[in-house]
Structure formats: C-alpha cells, structure tokens
Amino acid sequence: MRLLSLRLRPTMLSDLDFVGSVEDDAANRPFITPWERVQHEGAVRFPDFRHFIVEAGQGLPSAGFVILQGCRNPHGSIELKRLVLQPKGLGYGRACVRLLVQMAFRDLGAHRFWLDVKEKNERALALYRSEGFVEEGRLRESVRSGATYESLIVMSMLRAEHEARLEAADTASAGAASSQARRPP
C-alpha cells in the first residue's frame, strides 16, 4: 500500500492564478462550472468558506484546490463546493476526500457533509459512493452546458454514517491485528 503525501493549506490571493489554471484544464472543464476570479477572492476572504490549495506528492507541489461552503452554517450542513485536481489517477482525490470528511465532522462540527456532482462525472461519483456518500436526489437539467443542460446528483454523508464507518474500520483493524498476533512464528 502506497502512503500518499497530501496536505491542505489555506489559499492566498497569490494562488488564484494557479486556481484559474486548474479550472481551465481541459481534463477538468467538463466537470465543473468555473468561477470568476472575484468569486474565488470572496471565498478566500469570507469566513463561511474554506478555500484550500491541495499540495501532494514528492516535495508537495500544488496539485489542485478545494472549496468548502457553509462552515458557519447553524444547521451543521457543510458543502464540498469544489474539489479540482490536475494530476489524475494517483489517489489524490480519495486521500483528499478522506481528509475533507474528517475536517468537516471533527474540526467544523458538521452534522451533514454534502456535495453535488455532474451526472456524467462517473469517476467522481464512484469515488464519493465508495467513501460512503449517499445519493439524495437529482437536480434535473439544472446546469447549462453549451446548447444543452446537465443534471446534478446531490450526495451526502451524515455524522452518524461517518461514525459508523470509523467504527467498522476500527473493528476490522483490531480483527486483522488479532489474527496477525495469533500466527505461529
């Protein structure tokens, strides 16, 4: 099993050219609705948002960015507004989602962590499902894409679901350690 080096650091205004380049990347463009620079500036400054640069890999170069919204929501409902990475297929997306889930529930006190994802983004849908997000519904043809419209799938994870996943992982780890300890030398 490969151990990934990944961390999030707060986005600075000086990072916004990089953020724009990640949004403009041809591999990302079909799956997001890009923001204007002023929207990113607002997310960096406004306390209800958390805007992070994802640093990953050897030497931790910038690999993408993340936006959380609703961080001060009185109902404990925090949105994963955007997760965009340039390198694909290296496990950074999964590592980042796990870190964000932990941050939402442990650090920000979320009751519900939710997101929406374009219906055609099969890679992201599979990742979110495998990490315990549950489909809540669809916003049918809610996003204009050229001459057509695309649907968004709304997914979420509740605190109780997150805690159950943690407990199941702890139980599985304890069971694996117990069976290793019983093996004869």
N, C-alpha and C. Protein backbone atom coordinates (compact mmCIF):
# COMPACT_ATOMS: atom_id res chain seq x y z
N MET A 1 0.84 -1.18 0.00
CA MET A 1 0.00 0.00 0.00
C MET A 1 0.88 1.25 0.00
N ARG A 2 0.62 2.15 -0.90
CA ARG A 2 1.40 3.36 -1.06
C ARG A 2 0.88 4.44 -0.11
N LEU A 3 1.77 5.07 0.63
CA LEU A 3 1.41 6.14 1.53
C LEU A 3 1.50 7.45 0.75
N LEU A 4 0.39 8.18 0.68
CA LEU A 4 0.36 9.43 -0.06
C LEU A 4 0.73 10.60 0.84
N SER A 5 1.53 11.49 0.31
CA SER A 5 1.80 12.76 0.98
C SER A 5 0.82 13.77 0.42
N LEU A 6 -0.05 14.27 1.29
CA LEU A 6 -1.07 15.22 0.84
C LEU A 6 -1.40 16.13 2.02
N ARG A 7 -1.52 17.40 1.74
CA ARG A 7 -1.96 18.34 2.77
C ARG A 7 -2.76 19.46 2.11
N LEU A 8 -3.53 20.14 2.95
CA LEU A 8 -4.29 21.30 2.52
C LEU A 8 -3.71 22.52 3.22
N ARG A 9 -3.55 23.59 2.47
CA ARG A 9 -3.15 24.85 3.09
C ARG A 9 -4.10 25.93 2.60
N PRO A 10 -4.37 26.91 3.45
CA PRO A 10 -5.28 27.98 3.04
C PRO A 10 -4.80 28.66 1.75
N THR A 11 -5.73 28.89 0.86
CA THR A 11 -5.43 29.59 -0.38
C THR A 11 -5.14 31.06 -0.08
N MET A 12 -4.12 31.58 -0.73
CA MET A 12 -3.81 33.01 -0.64
C MET A 12 -4.21 33.65 -1.97
N LEU A 13 -4.42 34.95 -1.96
CA LEU A 13 -4.78 35.63 -3.20
C LEU A 13 -3.73 35.40 -4.27
N SER A 14 -2.49 35.23 -3.88
CA SER A 14 -1.40 34.99 -4.85
C SER A 14 -1.51 33.61 -5.51
N ASP A 15 -2.37 32.73 -4.97
CA ASP A 15 -2.57 31.39 -5.55
C ASP A 15 -3.65 31.38 -6.63
N LEU A 16 -4.38 32.47 -6.80
CA LEU A 16 -5.57 32.42 -7.66
C LEU A 16 -5.27 32.24 -9.14
N ASP A 17 -4.08 32.61 -9.59
CA ASP A 17 -3.71 32.30 -10.99
C ASP A 17 -3.61 30.78 -11.16
N PHE A 18 -3.02 30.11 -10.18
CA PHE A 18 -2.95 28.64 -10.21
C PHE A 18 -4.36 28.04 -10.18
N VAL A 19 -5.21 28.53 -9.31
CA VAL A 19 -6.59 28.04 -9.21
C VAL A 19 -7.29 28.17 -10.56
N GLY A 20 -7.14 29.32 -11.20
CA GLY A 20 -7.74 29.52 -12.52
C GLY A 20 -7.20 28.56 -13.56
N SER A 21 -5.91 28.27 -13.49
CA SER A 21 -5.32 27.34 -14.47
C SER A 21 -5.85 25.92 -14.26
N VAL A 22 -6.11 25.54 -13.02
CA VAL A 22 -6.66 24.20 -12.74
C VAL A 22 -8.10 24.12 -13.26
N GLU A 23 -8.87 25.19 -13.04
CA GLU A 23 -10.24 25.20 -13.57
C GLU A 23 -10.26 25.16 -15.09
N ASP A 24 -9.30 25.81 -15.73
CA ASP A 24 -9.25 25.88 -17.19
C ASP A 24 -8.66 24.63 -17.82
N ASP A 25 -8.10 23.73 -17.04
CA ASP A 25 -7.52 22.49 -17.57
C ASP A 25 -8.58 21.71 -18.33
N ALA A 26 -8.26 21.27 -19.53
CA ALA A 26 -9.23 20.57 -20.38
C ALA A 26 -9.78 19.30 -19.72
N ALA A 27 -9.00 18.67 -18.85
CA ALA A 27 -9.47 17.45 -18.18
C ALA A 27 -10.49 17.78 -17.08
N ASN A 28 -10.51 19.01 -16.60
CA ASN A 28 -11.42 19.40 -15.52
C ASN A 28 -12.65 20.15 -16.01
N ARG A 29 -12.49 20.91 -17.06
CA ARG A 29 -13.53 21.83 -17.53
C ARG A 29 -14.91 21.18 -17.72
N PRO A 30 -15.02 19.97 -18.27
CA PRO A 30 -16.36 19.39 -18.47
C PRO A 30 -17.09 19.07 -17.18
N PHE A 31 -16.38 19.01 -16.07
CA PHE A 31 -16.98 18.52 -14.83
C PHE A 31 -17.25 19.60 -13.79
N ILE A 32 -16.91 20.84 -14.11
CA ILE A 32 -17.12 21.93 -13.16
C ILE A 32 -17.81 23.11 -13.84
N THR A 33 -18.30 24.02 -13.03
CA THR A 33 -18.79 25.30 -13.52
C THR A 33 -17.79 26.33 -13.00
N PRO A 34 -16.87 26.76 -13.86
CA PRO A 34 -15.78 27.64 -13.40
C PRO A 34 -16.31 28.94 -12.79
N TRP A 35 -15.55 29.42 -11.84
CA TRP A 35 -15.85 30.70 -11.20
C TRP A 35 -14.96 31.78 -11.79
N GLU A 36 -15.44 33.01 -11.64
CA GLU A 36 -14.61 34.16 -11.97
C GLU A 36 -13.65 34.39 -10.81
N ARG A 37 -12.57 35.06 -11.07
CA ARG A 37 -11.56 35.32 -10.05
C ARG A 37 -12.18 35.98 -8.81
N VAL A 38 -13.09 36.93 -9.02
CA VAL A 38 -13.69 37.65 -7.90
C VAL A 38 -14.48 36.70 -6.98
N GLN A 39 -15.05 35.64 -7.53
CA GLN A 39 -15.75 34.65 -6.70
C GLN A 39 -14.76 33.90 -5.81
N HIS A 40 -13.62 33.53 -6.38
CA HIS A 40 -12.58 32.88 -5.58
C HIS A 40 -12.04 33.82 -4.50
N GLU A 41 -11.86 35.09 -4.87
CA GLU A 41 -11.39 36.07 -3.88
C GLU A 41 -12.36 36.14 -2.71
N GLY A 42 -13.66 36.14 -3.01
CA GLY A 42 -14.66 36.16 -1.95
C GLY A 42 -14.59 34.93 -1.07
N ALA A 43 -14.40 33.77 -1.69
CA ALA A 43 -14.32 32.52 -0.92
C ALA A 43 -13.08 32.48 -0.04
N VAL A 44 -11.99 33.10 -0.49
CA VAL A 44 -10.77 33.17 0.32
C VAL A 44 -11.01 34.06 1.54
N ARG A 45 -11.77 35.12 1.37
CA ARG A 45 -11.94 36.13 2.42
C ARG A 45 -13.13 35.88 3.34
N PHE A 46 -14.20 35.28 2.85
CA PHE A 46 -15.45 35.17 3.61
C PHE A 46 -15.37 34.01 4.60
N PRO A 47 -15.67 34.23 5.89
CA PRO A 47 -15.47 33.19 6.91
C PRO A 47 -16.37 31.96 6.78
N ASP A 48 -17.45 32.05 6.01
CA ASP A 48 -18.32 30.88 5.83
C ASP A 48 -17.69 29.85 4.88
N PHE A 49 -16.65 30.27 4.16
CA PHE A 49 -15.96 29.41 3.20
C PHE A 49 -14.61 28.97 3.77
N ARG A 50 -14.11 27.86 3.27
CA ARG A 50 -12.72 27.46 3.45
C ARG A 50 -12.21 27.14 2.04
N HIS A 51 -11.19 27.85 1.61
CA HIS A 51 -10.61 27.68 0.27
C HIS A 51 -9.18 27.20 0.51
N PHE A 52 -8.87 26.01 -0.02
CA PHE A 52 -7.56 25.40 0.22
C PHE A 52 -6.86 25.06 -1.08
N ILE A 53 -5.55 25.12 -1.04
CA ILE A 53 -4.70 24.55 -2.08
C ILE A 53 -4.34 23.14 -1.64
N VAL A 54 -4.50 22.18 -2.54
CA VAL A 54 -4.10 20.80 -2.27
C VAL A 54 -2.64 20.67 -2.70
N GLU A 55 -1.81 20.28 -1.76
CA GLU A 55 -0.41 20.02 -2.05
C GLU A 55 -0.19 18.53 -1.89
N ALA A 56 0.42 17.91 -2.91
CA ALA A 56 0.53 16.45 -2.90
C ALA A 56 1.79 15.98 -3.61
N GLY A 57 2.26 14.80 -3.18
CA GLY A 57 3.39 14.15 -3.85
C GLY A 57 4.73 14.58 -3.29
N GLN A 58 5.76 14.10 -3.96
CA GLN A 58 7.14 14.40 -3.57
C GLN A 58 7.37 15.90 -3.56
N GLY A 59 7.79 16.45 -2.45
CA GLY A 59 8.04 17.88 -2.34
C GLY A 59 6.76 18.70 -2.19
N LEU A 60 5.62 18.05 -2.24
CA LEU A 60 4.30 18.66 -2.08
C LEU A 60 4.03 19.86 -2.98
N PRO A 61 4.13 19.68 -4.30
CA PRO A 61 3.75 20.77 -5.20
C PRO A 61 2.22 20.95 -5.19
N SER A 62 1.76 22.10 -5.62
CA SER A 62 0.33 22.34 -5.72
C SER A 62 -0.28 21.39 -6.74
N ALA A 63 -1.35 20.71 -6.33
CA ALA A 63 -1.98 19.70 -7.19
C ALA A 63 -3.43 20.04 -7.51
N GLY A 64 -3.99 21.03 -6.84
CA GLY A 64 -5.38 21.39 -7.08
C GLY A 64 -5.88 22.29 -5.98
N PHE A 65 -7.21 22.37 -5.87
CA PHE A 65 -7.80 23.20 -4.84
C PHE A 65 -9.13 22.64 -4.39
N VAL A 66 -9.58 23.11 -3.23
CA VAL A 66 -10.82 22.67 -2.59
C VAL A 66 -11.55 23.90 -2.06
N ILE A 67 -12.87 23.87 -2.15
CA ILE A 67 -13.69 24.90 -1.53
C ILE A 67 -14.77 24.22 -0.69
N LEU A 68 -14.83 24.60 0.57
CA LEU A 68 -15.93 24.19 1.45
C LEU A 68 -16.80 25.42 1.68
N GLN A 69 -18.10 25.21 1.74
CA GLN A 69 -19.04 26.31 1.96
C GLN A 69 -20.01 25.91 3.07
N GLY A 70 -20.44 26.87 3.85
CA GLY A 70 -21.36 26.59 4.94
C GLY A 70 -20.65 26.26 6.24
N CYS A 71 -19.40 26.67 6.35
CA CYS A 71 -18.59 26.33 7.52
C CYS A 71 -19.12 26.95 8.80
N ARG A 72 -19.99 27.95 8.68
CA ARG A 72 -20.64 28.57 9.84
C ARG A 72 -22.15 28.32 9.82
N ASN A 73 -22.57 27.36 9.05
CA ASN A 73 -23.99 27.05 8.91
C ASN A 73 -24.56 26.63 10.27
N PRO A 74 -25.62 27.28 10.75
CA PRO A 74 -26.16 26.94 12.08
C PRO A 74 -26.79 25.55 12.13
N HIS A 75 -27.04 24.96 10.98
CA HIS A 75 -27.64 23.63 10.92
C HIS A 75 -26.59 22.52 10.78
N GLY A 76 -25.31 22.91 10.73
CA GLY A 76 -24.25 21.92 10.63
C GLY A 76 -24.21 21.22 9.28
N SER A 77 -24.63 21.92 8.24
CA SER A 77 -24.65 21.35 6.89
C SER A 77 -23.57 22.04 6.07
N ILE A 78 -22.47 21.32 5.83
CA ILE A 78 -21.32 21.86 5.13
C ILE A 78 -21.24 21.25 3.73
N GLU A 79 -21.00 22.09 2.76
CA GLU A 79 -20.94 21.65 1.37
C GLU A 79 -19.50 21.55 0.88
N LEU A 80 -19.20 20.45 0.23
CA LEU A 80 -17.96 20.35 -0.55
C LEU A 80 -18.30 20.99 -1.89
N LYS A 81 -18.02 22.28 -1.97
CA LYS A 81 -18.40 23.08 -3.14
C LYS A 81 -17.58 22.71 -4.36
N ARG A 82 -16.30 22.45 -4.14
CA ARG A 82 -15.44 22.16 -5.29
C ARG A 82 -14.21 21.40 -4.85
N LEU A 83 -13.87 20.38 -5.59
CA LEU A 83 -12.61 19.64 -5.45
C LEU A 83 -12.09 19.44 -6.87
N VAL A 84 -10.99 20.10 -7.19
CA VAL A 84 -10.45 20.04 -8.54
C VAL A 84 -8.95 19.76 -8.45
N LEU A 85 -8.53 18.69 -9.11
CA LEU A 85 -7.13 18.29 -9.11
C LEU A 85 -6.63 18.20 -10.54
N GLN A 86 -5.35 18.50 -10.74
CA GLN A 86 -4.79 18.34 -12.08
C GLN A 86 -4.27 16.93 -12.30
N PRO A 87 -3.43 16.40 -11.45
CA PRO A 87 -2.98 15.02 -11.73
C PRO A 87 -4.12 14.05 -11.42
N LYS A 88 -4.38 13.14 -12.33
CA LYS A 88 -5.46 12.15 -12.17
C LYS A 88 -4.85 10.77 -11.98
N GLY A 89 -5.58 9.91 -11.28
CA GLY A 89 -5.19 8.52 -11.16
C GLY A 89 -4.06 8.24 -10.18
N LEU A 90 -3.74 9.19 -9.31
CA LEU A 90 -2.64 8.99 -8.36
C LEU A 90 -3.15 8.77 -6.93
N GLY A 91 -4.48 8.77 -6.74
CA GLY A 91 -5.04 8.57 -5.42
C GLY A 91 -5.22 9.85 -4.63
N TYR A 92 -4.89 10.99 -5.23
CA TYR A 92 -5.02 12.25 -4.51
C TYR A 92 -6.49 12.59 -4.22
N GLY A 93 -7.37 12.27 -5.14
CA GLY A 93 -8.79 12.56 -4.93
C GLY A 93 -9.34 11.82 -3.72
N ARG A 94 -9.05 10.53 -3.62
CA ARG A 94 -9.52 9.72 -2.48
C ARG A 94 -8.91 10.24 -1.17
N ALA A 95 -7.61 10.50 -1.18
CA ALA A 95 -6.95 10.99 0.02
C ALA A 95 -7.54 12.34 0.44
N CYS A 96 -7.82 13.17 -0.52
CA CYS A 96 -8.38 14.49 -0.25
C CYS A 96 -9.80 14.37 0.31
N VAL A 97 -10.62 13.53 -0.28
CA VAL A 97 -11.99 13.34 0.22
C VAL A 97 -11.95 12.85 1.66
N ARG A 98 -11.08 11.91 1.96
CA ARG A 98 -10.98 11.39 3.34
C ARG A 98 -10.57 12.49 4.30
N LEU A 99 -9.63 13.31 3.90
CA LEU A 99 -9.19 14.42 4.74
C LEU A 99 -10.32 15.43 4.95
N LEU A 100 -11.07 15.72 3.90
CA LEU A 100 -12.17 16.69 3.98
C LEU A 100 -13.31 16.17 4.84
N VAL A 101 -13.61 14.88 4.74
CA VAL A 101 -14.66 14.29 5.59
C VAL A 101 -14.26 14.43 7.05
N GLN A 102 -13.01 14.10 7.34
CA GLN A 102 -12.51 14.23 8.71
C GLN A 102 -12.61 15.69 9.19
N MET A 103 -12.21 16.62 8.34
CA MET A 103 -12.25 18.03 8.68
C MET A 103 -13.69 18.49 8.94
N ALA A 104 -14.60 18.08 8.06
CA ALA A 104 -16.00 18.51 8.19
C ALA A 104 -16.60 18.07 9.51
N PHE A 105 -16.41 16.81 9.86
CA PHE A 105 -17.05 16.28 11.07
C PHE A 105 -16.26 16.59 12.34
N ARG A 106 -14.97 16.40 12.31
CA ARG A 106 -14.16 16.59 13.52
C ARG A 106 -13.88 18.06 13.82
N ASP A 107 -13.43 18.79 12.81
CA ASP A 107 -12.96 20.15 13.03
C ASP A 107 -14.06 21.21 12.90
N LEU A 108 -14.98 21.00 11.98
CA LEU A 108 -16.02 22.01 11.73
C LEU A 108 -17.36 21.65 12.36
N GLY A 109 -17.45 20.47 12.97
CA GLY A 109 -18.67 20.09 13.69
C GLY A 109 -19.88 19.85 12.82
N ALA A 110 -19.67 19.37 11.61
CA ALA A 110 -20.79 19.14 10.69
C ALA A 110 -21.72 18.04 11.21
N HIS A 111 -22.99 18.19 10.91
CA HIS A 111 -23.96 17.11 11.07
C HIS A 111 -24.13 16.41 9.72
N ARG A 112 -24.01 17.21 8.65
CA ARG A 112 -24.21 16.71 7.28
C ARG A 112 -23.13 17.32 6.40
N PHE A 113 -22.47 16.47 5.61
CA PHE A 113 -21.45 16.92 4.66
C PHE A 113 -21.97 16.53 3.29
N TRP A 114 -22.17 17.50 2.43
CA TRP A 114 -22.84 17.21 1.17
C TRP A 114 -22.11 17.84 -0.02
N LEU A 115 -22.52 17.41 -1.21
CA LEU A 115 -21.94 17.90 -2.45
C LEU A 115 -22.93 17.66 -3.58
N ASP A 116 -22.67 18.30 -4.69
CA ASP A 116 -23.36 17.91 -5.93
C ASP A 116 -22.30 17.67 -6.98
N VAL A 117 -22.61 16.77 -7.89
CA VAL A 117 -21.64 16.36 -8.91
C VAL A 117 -22.39 16.17 -10.22
N LYS A 118 -21.76 16.58 -11.30
CA LYS A 118 -22.39 16.41 -12.61
C LYS A 118 -22.60 14.92 -12.88
N GLU A 119 -23.76 14.62 -13.42
CA GLU A 119 -24.17 13.23 -13.68
C GLU A 119 -23.17 12.47 -14.54
N LYS A 120 -22.50 13.15 -15.45
CA LYS A 120 -21.56 12.47 -16.36
C LYS A 120 -20.17 12.28 -15.74
N ASN A 121 -19.95 12.79 -14.53
CA ASN A 121 -18.65 12.66 -13.88
C ASN A 121 -18.59 11.32 -13.14
N GLU A 122 -18.50 10.26 -13.90
CA GLU A 122 -18.56 8.89 -13.36
C GLU A 122 -17.42 8.59 -12.39
N ARG A 123 -16.25 9.11 -12.68
CA ARG A 123 -15.10 8.87 -11.80
C ARG A 123 -15.36 9.44 -10.40
N ALA A 124 -15.85 10.68 -10.33
CA ALA A 124 -16.14 11.32 -9.04
C ALA A 124 -17.30 10.60 -8.34
N LEU A 125 -18.33 10.25 -9.08
CA LEU A 125 -19.47 9.54 -8.49
C LEU A 125 -19.02 8.24 -7.84
N ALA A 126 -18.19 7.48 -8.53
CA ALA A 126 -17.70 6.21 -7.97
C ALA A 126 -16.87 6.45 -6.72
N LEU A 127 -16.04 7.48 -6.73
CA LEU A 127 -15.23 7.81 -5.55
C LEU A 127 -16.12 8.17 -4.37
N TYR A 128 -17.06 9.07 -4.58
CA TYR A 128 -17.92 9.50 -3.47
C TYR A 128 -18.74 8.34 -2.91
N ARG A 129 -19.27 7.51 -3.79
CA ARG A 129 -20.03 6.34 -3.31
C ARG A 129 -19.14 5.41 -2.49
N SER A 130 -17.93 5.16 -2.97
CA SER A 130 -17.02 4.24 -2.27
C SER A 130 -16.57 4.80 -0.93
N GLU A 131 -16.64 6.11 -0.75
CA GLU A 131 -16.25 6.74 0.52
C GLU A 131 -17.45 6.96 1.44
N GLY A 132 -18.62 6.44 1.06
CA GLY A 132 -19.77 6.46 1.96
C GLY A 132 -20.80 7.54 1.72
N PHE A 133 -20.65 8.33 0.67
CA PHE A 133 -21.67 9.33 0.36
C PHE A 133 -22.88 8.63 -0.24
N VAL A 134 -24.06 9.13 0.12
CA VAL A 134 -25.33 8.54 -0.30
C VAL A 134 -26.02 9.50 -1.25
N GLU A 135 -26.54 8.98 -2.35
CA GLU A 135 -27.28 9.83 -3.29
C GLU A 135 -28.60 10.24 -2.67
N GLU A 136 -28.86 11.54 -2.66
CA GLU A 136 -30.11 12.08 -2.12
C GLU A 136 -31.12 12.41 -3.20
N GLY A 137 -30.62 12.75 -4.37
CA GLY A 137 -31.54 13.11 -5.45
C GLY A 137 -30.80 13.75 -6.60
N ARG A 138 -31.58 14.21 -7.55
CA ARG A 138 -31.03 14.82 -8.76
C ARG A 138 -31.67 16.17 -9.00
N LEU A 139 -30.84 17.10 -9.41
CA LEU A 139 -31.32 18.38 -9.88
C LEU A 139 -31.31 18.27 -11.40
N ARG A 140 -32.45 17.92 -11.94
CA ARG A 140 -32.53 17.58 -13.36
C ARG A 140 -32.29 18.80 -14.24
N GLU A 141 -31.39 18.62 -15.20
CA GLU A 141 -31.06 19.64 -16.20
C GLU A 141 -30.94 21.02 -15.57
N SER A 142 -30.14 21.11 -14.53
CA SER A 142 -30.03 22.35 -13.75
C SER A 142 -28.83 23.23 -14.12
N VAL A 143 -27.93 22.69 -14.94
CA VAL A 143 -26.73 23.43 -15.31
C VAL A 143 -26.63 23.49 -16.84
N ARG A 144 -26.54 24.71 -17.36
CA ARG A 144 -26.39 24.87 -18.81
C ARG A 144 -24.97 24.48 -19.21
N SER A 145 -24.88 23.73 -20.29
CA SER A 145 -23.59 23.32 -20.84
C SER A 145 -23.67 23.49 -22.35
N GLY A 146 -23.21 24.64 -22.82
CA GLY A 146 -23.33 24.93 -24.24
C GLY A 146 -24.79 25.07 -24.62
N ALA A 147 -25.23 24.26 -25.58
CA ALA A 147 -26.62 24.32 -26.03
C ALA A 147 -27.53 23.35 -25.28
N THR A 148 -26.96 22.57 -24.36
CA THR A 148 -27.75 21.59 -23.62
C THR A 148 -27.71 21.89 -22.12
N TYR A 149 -28.38 21.04 -21.37
CA TYR A 149 -28.39 21.14 -19.92
C TYR A 149 -27.90 19.83 -19.32
N GLU A 150 -27.28 19.94 -18.15
CA GLU A 150 -26.80 18.76 -17.45
C GLU A 150 -27.46 18.67 -16.09
N SER A 151 -27.60 17.44 -15.60
CA SER A 151 -28.18 17.20 -14.29
C SER A 151 -27.08 17.07 -13.25
N LEU A 152 -27.41 17.46 -12.02
CA LEU A 152 -26.50 17.32 -10.89
C LEU A 152 -27.05 16.26 -9.95
N ILE A 153 -26.18 15.45 -9.39
CA ILE A 153 -26.56 14.46 -8.39
C ILE A 153 -26.13 15.01 -7.03
N VAL A 154 -27.07 15.08 -6.10
CA VAL A 154 -26.79 15.55 -4.75
C VAL A 154 -26.49 14.33 -3.89
N MET A 155 -25.37 14.39 -3.18
CA MET A 155 -24.93 13.29 -2.32
C MET A 155 -24.56 13.86 -0.95
N SER A 156 -24.68 13.03 0.09
CA SER A 156 -24.28 13.50 1.41
C SER A 156 -23.84 12.34 2.28
N MET A 157 -23.22 12.72 3.39
CA MET A 157 -22.87 11.79 4.45
C MET A 157 -23.28 12.48 5.76
N LEU A 158 -23.96 11.75 6.61
CA LEU A 158 -24.35 12.26 7.92
C LEU A 158 -23.32 11.87 8.97
N ARG A 159 -23.27 12.62 10.04
CA ARG A 159 -22.32 12.34 11.12
C ARG A 159 -22.44 10.89 11.59
N ALA A 160 -23.66 10.40 11.80
CA ALA A 160 -23.85 9.02 12.27
C ALA A 160 -23.29 8.01 11.28
N GLU A 161 -23.44 8.27 9.99
CA GLU A 161 -22.88 7.38 8.97
C GLU A 161 -21.35 7.41 9.00
N HIS A 162 -20.80 8.59 9.17
CA HIS A 162 -19.34 8.72 9.26
C HIS A 162 -18.82 7.97 10.48
N GLU A 163 -19.47 8.15 11.62
CA GLU A 163 -19.03 7.47 12.83
C GLU A 163 -19.14 5.96 12.70
N ALA A 164 -20.20 5.48 12.04
CA ALA A 164 -20.36 4.03 11.82
C ALA A 164 -19.23 3.49 10.94
N ARG A 165 -18.83 4.25 9.92
CA ARG A 165 -17.72 3.83 9.05
C ARG A 165 -16.41 3.79 9.83
N LEU A 166 -16.19 4.76 10.70
CA LEU A 166 -14.98 4.77 11.53
C LEU A 166 -14.96 3.57 12.46
N GLU A 167 -16.10 3.29 13.08
CA GLU A 167 -16.19 2.15 14.00
C GLU A 167 -15.95 0.84 13.27
N ALA A 168 -16.52 0.69 12.08
CA ALA A 168 -16.32 -0.53 11.29
C ALA A 168 -14.85 -0.69 10.90
N ALA A 169 -14.20 0.42 10.55
CA ALA A 169 -12.77 0.36 10.19
C ALA A 169 -11.93 -0.01 11.40
N ASP A 170 -12.27 0.54 12.57
CA ASP A 170 -11.54 0.19 13.80
C ASP A 170 -11.70 -1.28 14.14
N THR A 171 -12.92 -1.80 14.00
CA THR A 171 -13.19 -3.20 14.28
C THR A 171 -12.41 -4.10 13.32
N ALA A 172 -12.40 -3.73 12.04
CA ALA A 172 -11.66 -4.51 11.05
C ALA A 172 -10.16 -4.49 11.34
N SER A 173 -9.63 -3.34 11.72
CA SER A 173 -8.21 -3.23 12.07
C SER A 173 -7.87 -4.08 13.28
N ALA A 174 -8.72 -4.03 14.29
CA ALA A 174 -8.48 -4.82 15.50
C ALA A 174 -8.51 -6.31 15.19
N GLY A 175 -9.45 -6.72 14.34
CA GLY A 175 -9.55 -8.12 13.95
C GLY A 175 -8.33 -8.58 13.17
N ALA A 176 -7.84 -7.74 12.27
CA ALA A 176 -6.66 -8.08 11.48
C ALA A 176 -5.43 -8.17 12.37
N ALA A 177 -5.30 -7.24 13.32
CA ALA A 177 -4.15 -7.27 14.24
C ALA A 177 -4.20 -8.50 15.13
N SER A 178 -5.40 -8.87 15.56
CA SER A 178 -5.57 -10.04 16.42
C SER A 178 -5.17 -11.32 15.69
N SER A 179 -5.58 -11.44 14.42
CA SER A 179 -5.23 -12.65 13.66
C SER A 179 -3.74 -12.70 13.35
N GLN A 180 -3.11 -11.54 13.16
CA GLN A 180 -1.65 -11.50 12.94
C GLN A 180 -0.90 -11.96 14.18
N ALA A 181 -1.41 -11.55 15.36
CA ALA A 181 -0.75 -11.88 16.62
C ALA A 181 -0.84 -13.38 16.93
N ARG A 182 -1.88 -14.06 16.41
CA ARG A 182 -2.06 -15.48 16.69
C ARG A 182 -1.29 -16.39 15.76
N ARG A 183 -0.70 -15.86 14.71
CA ARG A 183 0.05 -16.69 13.75
C ARG A 183 1.30 -17.24 14.40
N PRO A 184 1.57 -18.52 14.18
CA PRO A 184 2.81 -19.07 14.72
C PRO A 184 4.02 -18.51 13.98
N PRO A 185 5.16 -18.41 14.67
CA PRO A 185 6.37 -17.82 14.04
C PRO A 185 6.93 -18.69 12.92
